[in-house]
Protein backbone atom coordinates (compact mmCIF):
# COMPACT_ATOMS: atom_id res chain seq x y z
CA MET A 1 -6.56 1.27 15.87
CA ALA A 2 -6.09 -1.54 18.35
CA HIS A 3 -4.40 -4.62 17.01
CA ASP A 4 -7.26 -6.82 18.20
CA GLN A 5 -9.76 -4.91 16.05
CA PRO A 6 -10.49 -5.89 12.45
CA MET A 7 -8.52 -3.92 9.88
CA THR A 8 -10.37 -1.32 7.82
CA CYS A 9 -10.02 -0.86 4.09
CA LEU A 10 -8.22 2.45 4.67
CA GLU A 11 -5.69 0.77 6.95
CA LEU A 12 -5.08 -1.94 4.35
CA VAL A 13 -4.43 0.65 1.64
CA GLU A 14 -2.00 2.48 3.93
CA LEU A 15 -0.13 -0.76 4.75
CA VAL A 16 -0.12 -2.47 1.35
CA THR A 17 3.45 -1.47 0.48
CA ASP A 18 4.82 -2.75 3.79
CA TYR A 19 2.80 -5.95 3.32
CA LEU A 20 4.15 -6.53 -0.18
CA GLU A 21 7.70 -5.88 1.03
CA GLY A 22 7.28 -8.29 3.96
CA ALA A 23 7.86 -5.46 6.42
CA LEU A 24 4.70 -5.78 8.51
CA PRO A 25 5.02 -7.23 11.99
CA PRO A 26 3.39 -10.70 12.16
CA ALA A 27 0.30 -9.46 14.03
CA GLU A 28 -0.33 -6.71 11.46
CA ALA A 29 0.23 -9.12 8.57
CA ALA A 30 -2.34 -11.46 10.14
CA ARG A 31 -4.87 -8.60 10.43
CA PHE A 32 -4.14 -7.62 6.83
CA GLU A 33 -4.72 -11.17 5.58
CA ALA A 34 -7.84 -11.61 7.73
CA HIS A 35 -9.30 -8.47 6.14
CA LEU A 36 -8.59 -9.85 2.66
CA VAL A 37 -10.62 -12.97 3.47
CA SER A 38 -13.75 -10.89 4.08
CA CYS A 39 -13.27 -8.01 1.61
CA PRO A 40 -13.44 -8.74 -2.12
CA HIS A 41 -12.70 -5.10 -2.94
CA CYS A 42 -9.38 -5.16 -1.10
CA ARG A 43 -8.50 -8.48 -2.76
CA VAL A 44 -9.00 -6.77 -6.13
CA TYR A 45 -6.91 -3.81 -4.95
CA LEU A 46 -4.07 -6.10 -3.84
CA GLU A 47 -4.17 -7.95 -7.17
CA GLN A 48 -4.04 -4.61 -9.01
CA MET A 49 -0.95 -3.70 -6.97
CA HIS A 50 0.67 -7.03 -7.91
CA LEU A 51 -0.14 -6.47 -11.59
CA THR A 52 1.25 -2.93 -11.49
CA ILE A 53 4.48 -4.09 -9.89
CA ARG A 54 4.89 -6.85 -12.47
CA ALA A 55 4.11 -4.47 -15.34
CA LEU A 56 6.48 -1.74 -14.23
CA GLY A 57 9.27 -3.83 -12.83
CA ARG A 58 11.77 -2.00 -10.72
CA LEU A 59 12.78 1.47 -11.78
CA PRO A 60 16.09 2.89 -10.60
CA ALA A 61 15.80 5.78 -8.15
CA ASP A 62 17.08 8.25 -10.72
CA ALA A 63 14.59 7.17 -13.42
CA LEU A 64 12.36 10.19 -12.77
CA PRO A 65 13.56 13.70 -13.49
CA ALA A 66 14.09 15.80 -10.36
CA ALA A 67 11.21 18.11 -11.34
CA ALA A 68 8.80 15.16 -11.53
CA VAL A 69 9.93 13.92 -8.11
CA GLU A 70 9.37 17.39 -6.63
CA THR A 71 5.90 17.61 -8.20
CA LEU A 72 4.94 14.23 -6.73
CA LEU A 73 6.29 15.22 -3.31
CA GLU A 74 4.27 18.43 -3.39
CA HIS A 75 1.10 16.47 -4.09
CA TYR A 76 1.83 14.06 -1.24
CA ARG A 77 2.56 16.91 1.17
CA GLY A 78 -0.93 18.22 0.53
CA TRP A 79 -2.62 14.84 1.00
CA THR A 80 -4.62 14.33 4.17
CA ARG A 81 -6.52 11.38 5.53
CA ARG A 82 -10.25 11.71 5.32
């Protein structure tokens, strides 16, 4: 999608982690924030992400058993954009 086009909800969901980590380029962060102004559903989604992060805190990388990590990776490998 062109950077001068409004961001879609799907794009926001795909970029939320980078946004929360401060890793989006300034132009993308501006598009992200502009979308939030006009989309109450994405504002709720972002707040849910904030709440989840606060509730879970930071888990060390080895907190999940290797089998659980592999199961999650298998699910993600099968995920496709619709």
